[in-house]
Protein backbone atom coordinates (compact mmCIF):
# COMPACT_ATOMS: atom_id res chain seq x y z
CA MET A 1 105.88 113.99 95.60
CA ARG A 2 106.81 116.95 97.78
CA ALA A 3 108.08 116.86 101.35
CA VAL A 4 108.37 119.25 104.28
CA VAL A 5 110.90 118.38 106.99
CA TRP A 6 110.64 120.14 110.35
CA SER A 7 114.13 119.90 111.82
CA LYS A 8 116.65 121.40 114.21
CA ASN A 9 120.42 121.78 114.32
CA ALA A 10 122.59 118.84 115.41
CA CYS A 11 119.79 116.30 114.88
CA PRO A 12 121.08 113.01 113.46
CA PHE A 13 117.58 111.72 112.58
CA CYS A 14 116.83 114.99 110.77
CA ASP A 15 120.02 114.59 108.74
CA GLN A 16 119.20 110.95 107.92
CA ALA A 17 115.68 111.89 106.81
CA LYS A 18 116.98 114.62 104.49
CA LYS A 19 119.58 112.21 103.04
CA LEU A 20 116.93 109.55 102.43
CA LEU A 21 114.61 112.01 100.68
CA ALA A 22 117.49 113.23 98.49
CA LEU A 23 118.47 109.63 97.70
CA LYS A 24 114.89 108.91 96.58
CA GLY A 25 114.87 112.08 94.46
CA ILE A 26 112.15 113.71 96.55
CA GLU A 27 112.36 117.49 96.80
CA TYR A 28 111.87 118.84 100.29
CA GLU A 29 111.53 122.11 102.12
CA GLU A 30 113.42 122.21 105.39
CA ARG A 31 111.81 124.13 108.24
CA ASN A 32 114.54 124.44 110.85
CA ILE A 33 113.29 125.64 114.26
CA ASN A 34 116.78 126.95 115.10
CA LYS A 35 116.97 129.15 111.99
CA ASN A 36 113.96 130.45 110.11
CA PHE A 37 111.05 128.88 112.00
CA THR A 38 109.94 128.71 115.64
CA ARG A 39 108.91 125.87 117.94
CA GLU A 40 105.49 127.55 118.07
CA GLN A 41 105.14 127.25 114.28
CA LEU A 42 106.09 123.57 114.52
CA LEU A 43 103.44 122.97 117.19
CA GLU A 44 100.89 124.78 115.05
CA ALA A 45 101.62 122.35 112.20
CA VAL A 46 102.01 119.27 114.43
CA PRO A 47 100.37 119.89 117.84
CA GLU A 48 101.47 116.49 119.23
CA ALA A 49 105.11 116.84 118.13
CA ARG A 50 107.53 115.75 120.85
CA THR A 51 110.51 114.88 118.66
CA LEU A 52 112.13 115.95 115.41
CA PRO A 53 112.10 115.52 112.53
CA GLN A 54 108.40 115.81 111.70
CA ILE A 55 107.92 114.94 108.05
CA PHE A 56 105.05 115.68 105.70
CA LEU A 57 104.70 114.08 102.26
CA ASP A 58 102.20 115.79 99.97
CA ASP A 59 100.69 117.63 102.98
CA LYS A 60 100.15 114.38 104.94
CA LEU A 61 102.00 113.91 108.24
CA ILE A 62 104.19 110.81 108.02
CA GLY A 63 106.00 111.20 111.36
CA GLY A 64 109.70 110.91 112.05
CA PHE A 65 112.64 109.23 110.31
CA THR A 66 111.59 105.67 111.20
CA GLU A 67 108.09 106.23 109.82
CA LEU A 68 109.55 107.83 106.69
CA LYS A 69 111.75 104.75 106.07
CA LYS A 70 108.74 102.45 106.42
CA HIS A 71 106.58 104.67 104.19
CA LEU A 72 109.17 104.75 101.37
CA LYS A 73 109.84 100.99 101.31
């Protein structure tokens, strides 16, 4: 399983999502919109995104941290 986490700085839910993925042994690529990616790139990937994180597992949009927790149970 491979994950992509769209995130931003100082985002507690982003941090929790990354910790949960690491705990489950799932490798992830972080796409931080404050560092190496833009908000426009995020909206290209997830046009309806209103919050962060936005998490993809194996190229399928899962949603945010709450949805990730449910999905991994």
